[in-house]
Amino acid sequence: MKKIVYALMATVTGLVLLFSYRTSTVPESTSALADAPSSGVATVPKTTTTTPSPSASASSGSSSTSSGSTSAQTSSSGLTDGTYTGQAADTRFGPVQVQITVSGGAITDVQVPQYPSESGRDQQINSRALPVLVKETVQAQSAQVDMVSGATYTSTGYRTSLQSALDQARA
């Protein structure tokens, strides 16, 4: 009987130690978004250099409306030059909103003025996911971008808001 009690205690102790083991800890100072401006806007440098056409700037704040171009220049892609802000897409961890700049009928700049950034984990995930999503958007010139592994909710919200902005650019 004593052997059974000792075996159970050893098993329980082993399980407690196993489940309480932390595989890694990431200090918040290593997060790329920890040094982001207080406005909470994530930007990626423009990958192309073009001469911008005259356009109005997007409305400030978390408004989901956009300001379009003052001239109706539409290219073969169907996008009208200007800056467009998609509707904020609610996700499990917070809203995601995308703002695109169209010049010469192509997406030349993408910004994410609103994204989940409350916890250190949100910042860690989005510091990796948002630059990938922005880069793929500029390359794909559409909302057909790949999801980022580990950032499913952010990727889904990003694609939804991006599609909203693209719909406005085509209208």
N, C-alpha and C. Protein backbone atom coordinates (compact mmCIF):
# COMPACT_ATOMS: atom_id res chain seq x y z
N MET A 1 0.82 -1.20 0.00
CA MET A 1 0.00 0.00 0.00
C MET A 1 0.87 1.26 0.00
N LYS A 2 1.98 1.24 0.74
CA LYS A 2 2.87 2.39 0.79
C LYS A 2 3.44 2.71 -0.60
N LYS A 3 3.76 1.68 -1.36
CA LYS A 3 4.33 1.88 -2.69
C LYS A 3 3.34 2.57 -3.62
N ILE A 4 2.09 2.25 -3.50
CA ILE A 4 1.06 2.88 -4.33
C ILE A 4 0.93 4.36 -3.99
N VAL A 5 0.93 4.70 -2.71
CA VAL A 5 0.83 6.09 -2.27
C VAL A 5 2.04 6.88 -2.77
N TYR A 6 3.25 6.32 -2.64
CA TYR A 6 4.45 7.01 -3.11
C TYR A 6 4.43 7.19 -4.63
N ALA A 7 3.95 6.19 -5.35
CA ALA A 7 3.87 6.28 -6.80
C ALA A 7 2.89 7.37 -7.22
N LEU A 8 1.74 7.44 -6.57
CA LEU A 8 0.75 8.49 -6.87
C LEU A 8 1.29 9.88 -6.55
N MET A 9 1.96 10.01 -5.41
CA MET A 9 2.53 11.32 -5.04
C MET A 9 3.60 11.74 -6.04
N ALA A 10 4.43 10.81 -6.46
CA ALA A 10 5.46 11.13 -7.44
C ALA A 10 4.84 11.52 -8.77
N THR A 11 3.78 10.85 -9.17
CA THR A 11 3.09 11.16 -10.42
C THR A 11 2.46 12.55 -10.36
N VAL A 12 1.78 12.86 -9.25
CA VAL A 12 1.16 14.17 -9.09
C VAL A 12 2.22 15.26 -9.08
N THR A 13 3.31 15.03 -8.36
CA THR A 13 4.40 16.02 -8.32
C THR A 13 4.97 16.24 -9.72
N GLY A 14 5.19 15.18 -10.45
CA GLY A 14 5.71 15.30 -11.81
C GLY A 14 4.77 16.06 -12.72
N LEU A 15 3.47 15.81 -12.62
CA LEU A 15 2.49 16.52 -13.44
C LEU A 15 2.43 18.01 -13.09
N VAL A 16 2.48 18.32 -11.80
CA VAL A 16 2.47 19.73 -11.37
C VAL A 16 3.68 20.46 -11.94
N LEU A 17 4.84 19.84 -11.82
CA LEU A 17 6.05 20.47 -12.36
C LEU A 17 5.97 20.62 -13.88
N LEU A 18 5.44 19.61 -14.54
CA LEU A 18 5.33 19.66 -16.00
C LEU A 18 4.42 20.78 -16.47
N PHE A 19 3.25 20.91 -15.85
CA PHE A 19 2.29 21.92 -16.28
C PHE A 19 2.66 23.34 -15.83
N SER A 20 3.50 23.48 -14.83
CA SER A 20 3.88 24.83 -14.39
C SER A 20 5.13 25.34 -15.09
N TYR A 21 5.75 24.54 -15.94
CA TYR A 21 6.96 24.93 -16.66
C TYR A 21 6.62 25.93 -17.75
N ARG A 22 7.30 27.07 -17.77
CA ARG A 22 7.11 28.09 -18.80
C ARG A 22 8.21 27.91 -19.84
N THR A 23 7.82 27.75 -21.10
CA THR A 23 8.80 27.47 -22.14
C THR A 23 9.64 28.68 -22.50
N SER A 24 9.04 29.86 -22.49
CA SER A 24 9.80 31.06 -22.80
C SER A 24 9.08 32.29 -22.26
N THR A 25 9.86 33.29 -22.00
CA THR A 25 9.28 34.57 -21.61
C THR A 25 9.92 35.63 -22.48
N VAL A 26 9.11 36.55 -22.98
CA VAL A 26 9.58 37.61 -23.86
C VAL A 26 9.40 38.92 -23.12
N PRO A 27 10.51 39.63 -22.81
CA PRO A 27 10.34 40.93 -22.17
C PRO A 27 9.68 41.91 -23.13
N GLU A 28 8.88 42.82 -22.59
CA GLU A 28 8.14 43.76 -23.45
C GLU A 28 9.05 44.69 -24.23
N SER A 29 10.26 44.92 -23.76
CA SER A 29 11.14 45.85 -24.46
C SER A 29 11.60 45.30 -25.80
N THR A 30 11.47 43.99 -26.05
CA THR A 30 11.86 43.44 -27.34
C THR A 30 10.78 43.55 -28.38
N SER A 31 9.60 43.96 -27.99
CA SER A 31 8.50 44.09 -28.93
C SER A 31 8.73 45.29 -29.83
N ALA A 32 8.53 45.10 -31.12
CA ALA A 32 8.72 46.19 -32.09
C ALA A 32 7.67 47.27 -31.92
N LEU A 33 6.50 46.92 -31.40
CA LEU A 33 5.45 47.91 -31.23
C LEU A 33 5.53 48.63 -29.90
N ALA A 34 6.45 48.20 -29.00
CA ALA A 34 6.57 48.87 -27.72
C ALA A 34 7.04 50.31 -27.90
N ASP A 35 7.77 50.55 -28.98
CA ASP A 35 8.26 51.90 -29.24
C ASP A 35 7.39 52.64 -30.24
N ALA A 36 6.22 52.13 -30.54
CA ALA A 36 5.31 52.76 -31.50
C ALA A 36 4.79 54.07 -30.92
N PRO A 37 4.43 55.02 -31.76
CA PRO A 37 3.89 56.27 -31.26
C PRO A 37 2.61 56.04 -30.49
N SER A 38 2.30 56.97 -29.59
CA SER A 38 1.14 56.80 -28.73
C SER A 38 -0.17 56.81 -29.50
N SER A 39 -0.15 57.25 -30.74
CA SER A 39 -1.37 57.26 -31.53
C SER A 39 -1.79 55.86 -31.93
N GLY A 40 -0.87 54.88 -31.80
CA GLY A 40 -1.22 53.51 -32.11
C GLY A 40 -1.29 53.22 -33.60
N VAL A 41 -0.52 53.92 -34.42
CA VAL A 41 -0.56 53.71 -35.86
C VAL A 41 0.68 52.92 -36.25
N ALA A 42 0.48 51.79 -36.88
CA ALA A 42 1.59 50.99 -37.38
C ALA A 42 1.78 51.33 -38.85
N THR A 43 3.01 51.65 -39.21
CA THR A 43 3.27 51.96 -40.61
C THR A 43 4.47 51.15 -41.08
N VAL A 44 4.52 50.94 -42.36
CA VAL A 44 5.63 50.30 -43.01
C VAL A 44 6.07 51.24 -44.12
N PRO A 45 7.38 51.44 -44.28
CA PRO A 45 7.82 52.36 -45.32
C PRO A 45 7.30 51.95 -46.69
N LYS A 46 7.09 52.96 -47.53
CA LYS A 46 6.61 52.71 -48.89
C LYS A 46 7.64 51.90 -49.65
N THR A 47 7.16 50.97 -50.44
CA THR A 47 8.08 50.13 -51.20
C THR A 47 8.27 50.64 -52.62
N THR A 48 7.43 51.54 -53.07
CA THR A 48 7.59 52.10 -54.40
C THR A 48 7.65 53.61 -54.31
N THR A 49 8.29 54.20 -55.26
CA THR A 49 8.38 55.65 -55.29
C THR A 49 7.63 56.14 -56.52
N THR A 50 6.56 56.89 -56.28
CA THR A 50 5.79 57.43 -57.39
C THR A 50 5.50 58.89 -57.11
N THR A 51 5.11 59.59 -58.13
CA THR A 51 4.69 60.97 -57.95
C THR A 51 3.22 60.96 -57.57
N PRO A 52 2.91 61.37 -56.35
CA PRO A 52 1.52 61.29 -55.92
C PRO A 52 0.65 62.30 -56.65
N SER A 53 -0.56 61.90 -56.91
CA SER A 53 -1.52 62.81 -57.51
C SER A 53 -2.20 63.59 -56.41
N PRO A 54 -2.81 64.71 -56.72
CA PRO A 54 -3.46 65.48 -55.67
C PRO A 54 -4.61 64.68 -55.08
N SER A 55 -4.60 64.56 -53.77
CA SER A 55 -5.69 63.85 -53.11
C SER A 55 -5.89 64.42 -51.73
N ALA A 56 -7.06 64.24 -51.23
CA ALA A 56 -7.37 64.72 -49.89
C ALA A 56 -6.89 63.70 -48.89
N SER A 57 -6.54 64.14 -47.71
CA SER A 57 -6.09 63.21 -46.69
C SER A 57 -7.29 62.60 -46.00
N ALA A 58 -7.05 61.44 -45.41
CA ALA A 58 -8.15 60.73 -44.74
C ALA A 58 -8.52 61.44 -43.46
N SER A 59 -9.73 61.21 -43.04
CA SER A 59 -10.20 61.84 -41.81
C SER A 59 -9.44 61.26 -40.63
N SER A 60 -9.26 62.07 -39.60
CA SER A 60 -8.49 61.62 -38.45
C SER A 60 -9.37 60.85 -37.50
N GLY A 61 -8.71 60.20 -36.52
CA GLY A 61 -9.44 59.45 -35.51
C GLY A 61 -9.73 58.04 -36.00
N SER A 62 -10.73 57.43 -35.39
CA SER A 62 -11.07 56.07 -35.76
C SER A 62 -12.30 56.02 -36.64
N SER A 63 -12.49 57.05 -37.39
CA SER A 63 -13.64 57.12 -38.30
C SER A 63 -13.50 56.05 -39.36
N SER A 64 -14.59 55.49 -39.77
CA SER A 64 -14.53 54.46 -40.79
C SER A 64 -14.96 54.99 -42.15
N THR A 65 -14.97 56.29 -42.31
CA THR A 65 -15.27 56.86 -43.61
C THR A 65 -13.96 57.26 -44.26
N SER A 66 -14.00 57.56 -45.54
CA SER A 66 -12.77 57.92 -46.23
C SER A 66 -12.96 59.21 -47.01
N SER A 67 -11.83 59.80 -47.32
CA SER A 67 -11.82 60.95 -48.20
C SER A 67 -11.20 60.50 -49.50
N GLY A 68 -11.89 60.60 -50.56
CA GLY A 68 -11.41 60.14 -51.85
C GLY A 68 -10.62 61.21 -52.56
N SER A 69 -10.23 60.91 -53.74
CA SER A 69 -9.45 61.83 -54.56
C SER A 69 -10.36 62.94 -55.10
N THR A 70 -9.74 64.10 -55.30
CA THR A 70 -10.52 65.20 -55.84
C THR A 70 -10.70 65.04 -57.35
N SER A 71 -9.79 64.30 -57.99
CA SER A 71 -9.94 64.03 -59.41
C SER A 71 -10.33 62.57 -59.58
N ALA A 72 -11.07 62.28 -60.60
CA ALA A 72 -11.58 60.92 -60.79
C ALA A 72 -10.67 60.15 -61.73
N GLN A 73 -9.40 59.96 -61.34
CA GLN A 73 -8.48 59.20 -62.17
C GLN A 73 -8.60 57.73 -61.79
N THR A 74 -9.04 56.93 -62.73
CA THR A 74 -9.19 55.51 -62.50
C THR A 74 -8.34 54.78 -63.52
N SER A 75 -7.59 53.80 -63.06
CA SER A 75 -6.71 53.05 -63.96
C SER A 75 -7.37 51.74 -64.36
N SER A 76 -6.61 50.91 -65.06
CA SER A 76 -7.14 49.62 -65.49
C SER A 76 -7.43 48.71 -64.30
N SER A 77 -6.82 48.98 -63.15
CA SER A 77 -7.09 48.16 -61.96
C SER A 77 -8.44 48.51 -61.35
N GLY A 78 -9.00 49.65 -61.77
CA GLY A 78 -10.30 50.06 -61.25
C GLY A 78 -10.22 50.85 -59.96
N LEU A 79 -9.01 51.15 -59.48
CA LEU A 79 -8.85 51.90 -58.24
C LEU A 79 -8.68 53.38 -58.54
N THR A 80 -9.41 54.22 -57.84
CA THR A 80 -9.32 55.66 -58.00
C THR A 80 -8.27 56.19 -57.03
N ASP A 81 -7.42 57.09 -57.50
CA ASP A 81 -6.37 57.65 -56.66
C ASP A 81 -6.96 58.34 -55.44
N GLY A 82 -6.29 58.20 -54.31
CA GLY A 82 -6.73 58.83 -53.07
C GLY A 82 -6.34 57.99 -51.87
N THR A 83 -6.79 58.42 -50.72
CA THR A 83 -6.54 57.71 -49.47
C THR A 83 -7.88 57.22 -48.94
N TYR A 84 -7.96 55.94 -48.60
CA TYR A 84 -9.22 55.33 -48.18
C TYR A 84 -9.02 54.57 -46.89
N THR A 85 -9.94 54.75 -45.96
CA THR A 85 -9.90 54.08 -44.68
C THR A 85 -11.05 53.08 -44.62
N GLY A 86 -10.72 51.82 -44.41
CA GLY A 86 -11.73 50.77 -44.32
C GLY A 86 -12.45 50.82 -42.99
N GLN A 87 -13.60 50.18 -42.94
CA GLN A 87 -14.33 50.10 -41.69
C GLN A 87 -13.54 49.24 -40.71
N ALA A 88 -13.59 49.60 -39.44
CA ALA A 88 -12.91 48.83 -38.40
C ALA A 88 -13.60 47.47 -38.27
N ALA A 89 -12.81 46.41 -38.33
CA ALA A 89 -13.35 45.05 -38.21
C ALA A 89 -13.11 44.58 -36.77
N ASP A 90 -14.18 44.25 -36.08
CA ASP A 90 -14.06 43.78 -34.71
C ASP A 90 -13.55 42.35 -34.68
N THR A 91 -12.52 42.11 -33.88
CA THR A 91 -11.98 40.77 -33.68
C THR A 91 -12.09 40.42 -32.20
N ARG A 92 -11.75 39.21 -31.88
CA ARG A 92 -11.82 38.75 -30.49
C ARG A 92 -10.97 39.60 -29.56
N PHE A 93 -9.85 40.12 -30.05
CA PHE A 93 -8.91 40.86 -29.22
C PHE A 93 -8.95 42.36 -29.43
N GLY A 94 -9.81 42.84 -30.31
CA GLY A 94 -9.94 44.27 -30.55
C GLY A 94 -10.12 44.57 -32.02
N PRO A 95 -10.48 45.81 -32.34
CA PRO A 95 -10.73 46.18 -33.74
C PRO A 95 -9.44 46.32 -34.56
N VAL A 96 -9.57 46.04 -35.85
CA VAL A 96 -8.47 46.22 -36.80
C VAL A 96 -9.00 47.11 -37.92
N GLN A 97 -8.25 48.16 -38.25
CA GLN A 97 -8.66 49.08 -39.31
C GLN A 97 -7.48 49.35 -40.23
N VAL A 98 -7.74 49.37 -41.52
CA VAL A 98 -6.69 49.53 -42.53
C VAL A 98 -6.96 50.79 -43.34
N GLN A 99 -5.88 51.52 -43.66
CA GLN A 99 -5.96 52.71 -44.50
C GLN A 99 -4.99 52.51 -45.67
N ILE A 100 -5.50 52.69 -46.89
CA ILE A 100 -4.65 52.51 -48.07
C ILE A 100 -4.53 53.83 -48.82
N THR A 101 -3.41 53.99 -49.51
CA THR A 101 -3.20 55.12 -50.39
C THR A 101 -3.02 54.56 -51.80
N VAL A 102 -3.84 55.06 -52.71
CA VAL A 102 -3.80 54.62 -54.10
C VAL A 102 -3.24 55.76 -54.94
N SER A 103 -2.23 55.45 -55.73
CA SER A 103 -1.63 56.44 -56.62
C SER A 103 -1.33 55.74 -57.95
N GLY A 104 -1.79 56.34 -59.03
CA GLY A 104 -1.59 55.73 -60.34
C GLY A 104 -2.36 54.43 -60.48
N GLY A 105 -3.43 54.27 -59.73
CA GLY A 105 -4.24 53.06 -59.81
C GLY A 105 -3.68 51.88 -59.04
N ALA A 106 -2.60 52.10 -58.28
CA ALA A 106 -1.99 51.01 -57.52
C ALA A 106 -1.90 51.39 -56.04
N ILE A 107 -1.96 50.40 -55.19
CA ILE A 107 -1.80 50.63 -53.75
C ILE A 107 -0.34 50.92 -53.49
N THR A 108 -0.05 52.13 -53.02
CA THR A 108 1.34 52.52 -52.78
C THR A 108 1.71 52.56 -51.31
N ASP A 109 0.73 52.67 -50.43
CA ASP A 109 1.02 52.73 -49.00
C ASP A 109 -0.14 52.12 -48.23
N VAL A 110 0.18 51.42 -47.16
CA VAL A 110 -0.83 50.83 -46.29
C VAL A 110 -0.47 51.17 -44.86
N GLN A 111 -1.44 51.65 -44.10
CA GLN A 111 -1.25 51.93 -42.69
C GLN A 111 -2.34 51.21 -41.91
N VAL A 112 -2.04 50.90 -40.67
CA VAL A 112 -3.00 50.24 -39.80
C VAL A 112 -3.19 51.13 -38.57
N PRO A 113 -4.15 52.08 -38.64
CA PRO A 113 -4.33 53.02 -37.54
C PRO A 113 -4.93 52.41 -36.29
N GLN A 114 -5.55 51.26 -36.41
CA GLN A 114 -6.20 50.64 -35.26
C GLN A 114 -5.96 49.14 -35.30
N TYR A 115 -5.42 48.59 -34.21
CA TYR A 115 -5.16 47.16 -34.11
C TYR A 115 -5.07 46.79 -32.64
N PRO A 116 -5.25 45.52 -32.28
CA PRO A 116 -5.15 45.12 -30.88
C PRO A 116 -3.74 45.34 -30.35
N SER A 117 -3.63 46.07 -29.25
CA SER A 117 -2.30 46.34 -28.68
C SER A 117 -2.37 46.50 -27.16
N GLU A 118 -3.39 45.95 -26.55
CA GLU A 118 -3.57 46.10 -25.11
C GLU A 118 -2.53 45.35 -24.30
N SER A 119 -2.28 44.10 -24.63
CA SER A 119 -1.36 43.28 -23.83
C SER A 119 -0.02 43.15 -24.55
N GLY A 120 0.96 42.69 -23.81
CA GLY A 120 2.27 42.44 -24.40
C GLY A 120 2.20 41.38 -25.48
N ARG A 121 1.32 40.42 -25.30
CA ARG A 121 1.16 39.36 -26.29
C ARG A 121 0.57 39.92 -27.60
N ASP A 122 -0.41 40.83 -27.46
CA ASP A 122 -0.97 41.49 -28.65
C ASP A 122 0.13 42.23 -29.40
N GLN A 123 0.96 42.94 -28.67
CA GLN A 123 2.03 43.72 -29.29
C GLN A 123 3.04 42.80 -29.97
N GLN A 124 3.34 41.68 -29.32
CA GLN A 124 4.29 40.73 -29.89
C GLN A 124 3.76 40.14 -31.19
N ILE A 125 2.51 39.73 -31.17
CA ILE A 125 1.90 39.12 -32.37
C ILE A 125 1.82 40.14 -33.50
N ASN A 126 1.31 41.33 -33.21
CA ASN A 126 1.09 42.32 -34.26
C ASN A 126 2.38 42.95 -34.77
N SER A 127 3.43 42.98 -33.95
CA SER A 127 4.70 43.51 -34.45
C SER A 127 5.28 42.60 -35.52
N ARG A 128 4.88 41.34 -35.50
CA ARG A 128 5.33 40.39 -36.52
C ARG A 128 4.34 40.30 -37.67
N ALA A 129 3.06 40.32 -37.36
CA ALA A 129 2.03 40.07 -38.37
C ALA A 129 1.76 41.27 -39.27
N LEU A 130 1.64 42.46 -38.70
CA LEU A 130 1.24 43.63 -39.50
C LEU A 130 2.22 43.97 -40.62
N PRO A 131 3.54 43.99 -40.38
CA PRO A 131 4.44 44.26 -41.51
C PRO A 131 4.33 43.23 -42.63
N VAL A 132 4.08 41.96 -42.28
CA VAL A 132 3.92 40.92 -43.30
C VAL A 132 2.65 41.19 -44.11
N LEU A 133 1.56 41.50 -43.42
CA LEU A 133 0.29 41.76 -44.11
C LEU A 133 0.39 42.99 -45.01
N VAL A 134 1.04 44.04 -44.53
CA VAL A 134 1.19 45.27 -45.32
C VAL A 134 2.02 45.00 -46.57
N LYS A 135 3.13 44.28 -46.40
CA LYS A 135 4.00 43.98 -47.54
C LYS A 135 3.26 43.14 -48.59
N GLU A 136 2.51 42.15 -48.12
CA GLU A 136 1.76 41.31 -49.06
C GLU A 136 0.66 42.09 -49.77
N THR A 137 0.06 43.07 -49.07
CA THR A 137 -0.99 43.89 -49.69
C THR A 137 -0.42 44.70 -50.84
N VAL A 138 0.73 45.33 -50.62
CA VAL A 138 1.35 46.14 -51.67
C VAL A 138 1.76 45.26 -52.85
N GLN A 139 2.23 44.05 -52.56
CA GLN A 139 2.63 43.13 -53.64
C GLN A 139 1.42 42.58 -54.39
N ALA A 140 0.38 42.18 -53.65
CA ALA A 140 -0.79 41.54 -54.28
C ALA A 140 -1.73 42.56 -54.92
N GLN A 141 -1.73 43.79 -54.43
CA GLN A 141 -2.63 44.83 -54.93
C GLN A 141 -4.10 44.42 -54.79
N SER A 142 -4.39 43.61 -53.78
CA SER A 142 -5.76 43.17 -53.52
C SER A 142 -5.86 42.71 -52.07
N ALA A 143 -7.04 42.28 -51.68
CA ALA A 143 -7.25 41.76 -50.32
C ALA A 143 -6.95 40.27 -50.25
N GLN A 144 -6.48 39.70 -51.34
CA GLN A 144 -6.15 38.26 -51.37
C GLN A 144 -4.74 38.06 -50.85
N VAL A 145 -4.55 38.28 -49.54
CA VAL A 145 -3.26 38.10 -48.90
C VAL A 145 -3.34 36.89 -47.99
N ASP A 146 -2.21 36.23 -47.80
CA ASP A 146 -2.15 35.06 -46.94
C ASP A 146 -2.32 35.45 -45.48
N MET A 147 -2.95 34.56 -44.73
CA MET A 147 -3.08 34.75 -43.30
C MET A 147 -1.71 34.54 -42.67
N VAL A 148 -1.45 35.20 -41.56
CA VAL A 148 -0.20 35.04 -40.84
C VAL A 148 -0.43 34.02 -39.73
N SER A 149 0.37 32.99 -39.73
CA SER A 149 0.25 31.94 -38.72
C SER A 149 0.47 32.53 -37.34
N GLY A 150 -0.42 32.22 -36.42
CA GLY A 150 -0.32 32.74 -35.06
C GLY A 150 -1.04 34.06 -34.87
N ALA A 151 -1.51 34.65 -35.96
CA ALA A 151 -2.23 35.93 -35.90
C ALA A 151 -3.52 35.83 -36.71
N THR A 152 -4.25 34.77 -36.49
CA THR A 152 -5.44 34.50 -37.28
C THR A 152 -6.49 35.59 -37.14
N TYR A 153 -6.76 36.02 -35.90
CA TYR A 153 -7.79 37.04 -35.69
C TYR A 153 -7.38 38.37 -36.31
N THR A 154 -6.14 38.77 -36.11
CA THR A 154 -5.64 40.01 -36.70
C THR A 154 -5.68 39.92 -38.22
N SER A 155 -5.26 38.80 -38.78
CA SER A 155 -5.25 38.63 -40.24
C SER A 155 -6.66 38.71 -40.82
N THR A 156 -7.61 38.08 -40.15
CA THR A 156 -8.99 38.10 -40.62
C THR A 156 -9.56 39.52 -40.58
N GLY A 157 -9.34 40.23 -39.46
CA GLY A 157 -9.81 41.61 -39.35
C GLY A 157 -9.13 42.52 -40.35
N TYR A 158 -7.84 42.31 -40.58
CA TYR A 158 -7.08 43.10 -41.55
C TYR A 158 -7.66 42.92 -42.95
N ARG A 159 -7.91 41.68 -43.34
CA ARG A 159 -8.45 41.42 -44.68
C ARG A 159 -9.85 42.02 -44.84
N THR A 160 -10.66 41.95 -43.79
CA THR A 160 -12.02 42.51 -43.85
C THR A 160 -11.97 44.03 -44.02
N SER A 161 -11.14 44.71 -43.22
CA SER A 161 -11.02 46.16 -43.32
C SER A 161 -10.37 46.57 -44.64
N LEU A 162 -9.39 45.81 -45.10
CA LEU A 162 -8.74 46.09 -46.38
C LEU A 162 -9.74 45.99 -47.52
N GLN A 163 -10.59 44.98 -47.50
CA GLN A 163 -11.59 44.83 -48.55
C GLN A 163 -12.55 46.02 -48.54
N SER A 164 -12.90 46.51 -47.34
CA SER A 164 -13.77 47.68 -47.23
C SER A 164 -13.11 48.91 -47.86
N ALA A 165 -11.82 49.10 -47.61
CA ALA A 165 -11.10 50.23 -48.20
C ALA A 165 -11.00 50.09 -49.72
N LEU A 166 -10.76 48.87 -50.20
CA LEU A 166 -10.68 48.64 -51.64
C LEU A 166 -12.03 48.88 -52.32
N ASP A 167 -13.11 48.49 -51.65
CA ASP A 167 -14.45 48.74 -52.19
C ASP A 167 -14.69 50.24 -52.35
N GLN A 168 -14.23 51.03 -51.39
CA GLN A 168 -14.38 52.48 -51.47
C GLN A 168 -13.53 53.05 -52.62
N ALA A 169 -12.35 52.49 -52.83
CA ALA A 169 -11.47 52.97 -53.90
C ALA A 169 -12.02 52.63 -55.28
N ARG A 170 -12.84 51.60 -55.36
CA ARG A 170 -13.43 51.22 -56.65
C ARG A 170 -14.73 51.95 -56.93
N ALA A 171 -15.34 52.52 -55.90
CA ALA A 171 -16.65 53.17 -56.06
C ALA A 171 -16.52 54.48 -56.80
